[in-house]
Amino acid sequence: MGLLGVANREGGYSCDQQEYLEAIAPAVMQVLQRRKSEEELRETYVNLCRGREERFLTMANAIPQLA
């Protein structure tokens, strides 16, 4: 799905440090996926509001013709 990169470290990383990084990788992925989902939801909401506004304006503009 992706790559979690860390800066080069003089002497590299110990096995324990590598295990810690591997352990937090799923949590980082969950946060990134959640942010992406929230952004998609926000975009959907904005588009829905625009559609409603357009329908309202169409209806409001048609009232004089109906009268």
N, C-alpha and C. Protein backbone atom coordinates (compact mmCIF):
# COMPACT_ATOMS: atom_id res chain seq x y z
N MET A 1 0.80 -1.19 0.00
CA MET A 1 0.00 0.00 0.00
C MET A 1 0.85 1.26 0.00
N GLY A 2 1.93 1.21 0.70
CA GLY A 2 2.74 2.40 0.80
C GLY A 2 4.08 2.09 1.42
N LEU A 3 4.78 3.13 1.73
CA LEU A 3 6.11 2.99 2.27
C LEU A 3 6.29 4.00 3.39
N LEU A 4 6.76 3.53 4.50
CA LEU A 4 7.08 4.41 5.62
C LEU A 4 8.59 4.58 5.62
N GLY A 5 9.03 5.79 5.32
CA GLY A 5 10.46 6.04 5.23
C GLY A 5 10.97 6.75 6.47
N VAL A 6 12.16 6.38 6.87
CA VAL A 6 12.82 7.06 7.99
C VAL A 6 14.19 7.53 7.50
N ALA A 7 14.69 8.55 8.13
CA ALA A 7 15.97 9.13 7.73
C ALA A 7 17.11 8.16 8.01
N ASN A 8 18.12 8.30 7.21
CA ASN A 8 19.31 7.49 7.47
C ASN A 8 19.89 7.87 8.82
N ARG A 9 20.38 6.88 9.46
CA ARG A 9 20.95 7.10 10.79
C ARG A 9 22.36 6.51 10.79
N GLU A 10 23.29 7.30 11.29
CA GLU A 10 24.66 6.82 11.33
C GLU A 10 24.70 5.54 12.15
N GLY A 11 25.18 4.50 11.56
CA GLY A 11 25.24 3.21 12.24
C GLY A 11 23.98 2.39 12.05
N GLY A 12 23.00 2.96 11.37
CA GLY A 12 21.77 2.22 11.09
C GLY A 12 20.86 2.15 12.31
N TYR A 13 19.88 1.27 12.22
CA TYR A 13 18.90 1.09 13.29
C TYR A 13 19.09 -0.28 13.92
N SER A 14 18.89 -0.35 15.22
CA SER A 14 19.01 -1.64 15.91
C SER A 14 17.79 -2.49 15.59
N CYS A 15 17.86 -3.76 15.91
CA CYS A 15 16.72 -4.65 15.68
C CYS A 15 15.50 -4.18 16.47
N ASP A 16 15.70 -3.73 17.70
CA ASP A 16 14.59 -3.23 18.51
C ASP A 16 13.95 -2.01 17.84
N GLN A 17 14.79 -1.10 17.37
CA GLN A 17 14.26 0.09 16.71
C GLN A 17 13.49 -0.27 15.44
N GLN A 18 14.00 -1.22 14.69
CA GLN A 18 13.30 -1.67 13.49
C GLN A 18 11.96 -2.30 13.85
N GLU A 19 11.93 -3.06 14.92
CA GLU A 19 10.67 -3.67 15.37
C GLU A 19 9.67 -2.60 15.79
N TYR A 20 10.13 -1.55 16.47
CA TYR A 20 9.24 -0.46 16.87
C TYR A 20 8.65 0.22 15.64
N LEU A 21 9.50 0.49 14.66
CA LEU A 21 9.03 1.12 13.43
C LEU A 21 8.00 0.24 12.72
N GLU A 22 8.27 -1.05 12.67
CA GLU A 22 7.33 -1.98 12.04
C GLU A 22 6.02 -2.03 12.82
N ALA A 23 6.10 -1.87 14.13
CA ALA A 23 4.89 -1.93 14.97
C ALA A 23 4.00 -0.70 14.77
N ILE A 24 4.61 0.47 14.54
CA ILE A 24 3.79 1.68 14.38
C ILE A 24 3.30 1.88 12.96
N ALA A 25 3.87 1.17 12.00
CA ALA A 25 3.48 1.35 10.60
C ALA A 25 1.97 1.16 10.38
N PRO A 26 1.33 0.11 10.94
CA PRO A 26 -0.12 -0.03 10.73
C PRO A 26 -0.92 1.14 11.29
N ALA A 27 -0.49 1.68 12.42
CA ALA A 27 -1.19 2.83 13.00
C ALA A 27 -1.07 4.05 12.10
N VAL A 28 0.10 4.25 11.53
CA VAL A 28 0.31 5.37 10.62
C VAL A 28 -0.59 5.20 9.40
N MET A 29 -0.68 4.00 8.87
CA MET A 29 -1.55 3.73 7.71
C MET A 29 -3.01 4.00 8.05
N GLN A 30 -3.44 3.62 9.23
CA GLN A 30 -4.83 3.86 9.64
C GLN A 30 -5.13 5.36 9.69
N VAL A 31 -4.20 6.12 10.22
CA VAL A 31 -4.39 7.57 10.30
C VAL A 31 -4.48 8.16 8.90
N LEU A 32 -3.60 7.75 8.00
CA LEU A 32 -3.61 8.28 6.64
C LEU A 32 -4.90 7.89 5.91
N GLN A 33 -5.34 6.64 6.09
CA GLN A 33 -6.57 6.20 5.45
C GLN A 33 -7.78 6.96 6.01
N ARG A 34 -7.77 7.20 7.30
CA ARG A 34 -8.89 7.94 7.91
C ARG A 34 -8.94 9.37 7.37
N ARG A 35 -7.81 10.01 7.28
CA ARG A 35 -7.76 11.39 6.74
C ARG A 35 -8.26 11.42 5.31
N LYS A 36 -7.88 10.42 4.53
CA LYS A 36 -8.34 10.35 3.13
C LYS A 36 -9.85 10.17 3.10
N SER A 37 -10.38 9.29 3.93
CA SER A 37 -11.82 9.06 3.99
C SER A 37 -12.57 10.32 4.43
N GLU A 38 -12.03 11.03 5.40
CA GLU A 38 -12.65 12.26 5.87
C GLU A 38 -12.68 13.32 4.77
N GLU A 39 -11.60 13.41 4.00
CA GLU A 39 -11.55 14.37 2.90
C GLU A 39 -12.57 14.00 1.82
N GLU A 40 -12.67 12.72 1.51
CA GLU A 40 -13.65 12.28 0.51
C GLU A 40 -15.07 12.57 0.99
N LEU A 41 -15.33 12.35 2.27
CA LEU A 41 -16.65 12.63 2.83
C LEU A 41 -16.95 14.13 2.77
N ARG A 42 -15.96 14.95 3.09
CA ARG A 42 -16.11 16.40 3.03
C ARG A 42 -16.43 16.86 1.60
N GLU A 43 -15.73 16.30 0.60
CA GLU A 43 -15.97 16.65 -0.79
C GLU A 43 -17.38 16.24 -1.22
N THR A 44 -17.81 15.06 -0.78
CA THR A 44 -19.15 14.59 -1.11
C THR A 44 -20.20 15.51 -0.51
N TYR A 45 -20.00 15.95 0.70
CA TYR A 45 -20.93 16.86 1.37
C TYR A 45 -21.02 18.18 0.62
N VAL A 46 -19.87 18.73 0.23
CA VAL A 46 -19.86 19.99 -0.51
C VAL A 46 -20.61 19.84 -1.83
N ASN A 47 -20.38 18.75 -2.54
CA ASN A 47 -21.07 18.52 -3.80
C ASN A 47 -22.57 18.37 -3.59
N LEU A 48 -22.96 17.71 -2.53
CA LEU A 48 -24.38 17.55 -2.22
C LEU A 48 -25.02 18.90 -1.94
N CYS A 49 -24.34 19.73 -1.17
CA CYS A 49 -24.86 21.07 -0.86
C CYS A 49 -25.00 21.90 -2.13
N ARG A 50 -24.03 21.81 -3.03
CA ARG A 50 -24.11 22.56 -4.29
C ARG A 50 -25.33 22.10 -5.10
N GLY A 51 -25.54 20.77 -5.17
CA GLY A 51 -26.68 20.24 -5.91
C GLY A 51 -27.97 20.73 -5.34
N ARG A 52 -28.08 20.75 -4.03
CA ARG A 52 -29.31 21.23 -3.39
C ARG A 52 -29.53 22.71 -3.70
N GLU A 53 -28.46 23.48 -3.65
CA GLU A 53 -28.56 24.91 -3.93
C GLU A 53 -29.02 25.13 -5.37
N GLU A 54 -28.45 24.38 -6.31
CA GLU A 54 -28.83 24.51 -7.71
C GLU A 54 -30.31 24.16 -7.91
N ARG A 55 -30.77 23.10 -7.26
CA ARG A 55 -32.19 22.71 -7.38
C ARG A 55 -33.09 23.79 -6.78
N PHE A 56 -32.68 24.35 -5.67
CA PHE A 56 -33.48 25.41 -5.03
C PHE A 56 -33.56 26.63 -5.95
N LEU A 57 -32.43 27.02 -6.53
CA LEU A 57 -32.42 28.18 -7.41
C LEU A 57 -33.30 27.94 -8.65
N THR A 58 -33.24 26.74 -9.19
CA THR A 58 -34.07 26.40 -10.34
C THR A 58 -35.54 26.52 -9.96
N MET A 59 -35.90 25.99 -8.82
CA MET A 59 -37.28 26.05 -8.36
C MET A 59 -37.70 27.50 -8.09
N ALA A 60 -36.83 28.26 -7.43
CA ALA A 60 -37.14 29.66 -7.12
C ALA A 60 -37.30 30.48 -8.38
N ASN A 61 -36.47 30.22 -9.37
CA ASN A 61 -36.56 30.95 -10.63
C ASN A 61 -37.81 30.58 -11.42
N ALA A 62 -38.37 29.40 -11.19
CA ALA A 62 -39.55 28.95 -11.90
C ALA A 62 -40.85 29.50 -11.29
N ILE A 63 -40.82 30.02 -10.09
CA ILE A 63 -42.02 30.50 -9.41
C ILE A 63 -42.74 31.61 -10.21
N PRO A 64 -42.01 32.61 -10.71
CA PRO A 64 -42.72 33.64 -11.48
C PRO A 64 -43.44 33.08 -12.71
N GLN A 65 -42.88 32.06 -13.33
CA GLN A 65 -43.50 31.47 -14.51
C GLN A 65 -44.76 30.70 -14.13
N LEU A 66 -44.74 30.10 -12.93
CA LEU A 66 -45.91 29.35 -12.47
C LEU A 66 -47.05 30.28 -12.07
N ALA A 67 -46.70 31.48 -11.61
CA ALA A 67 -47.72 32.45 -11.17
C ALA A 67 -48.28 33.11 -12.39
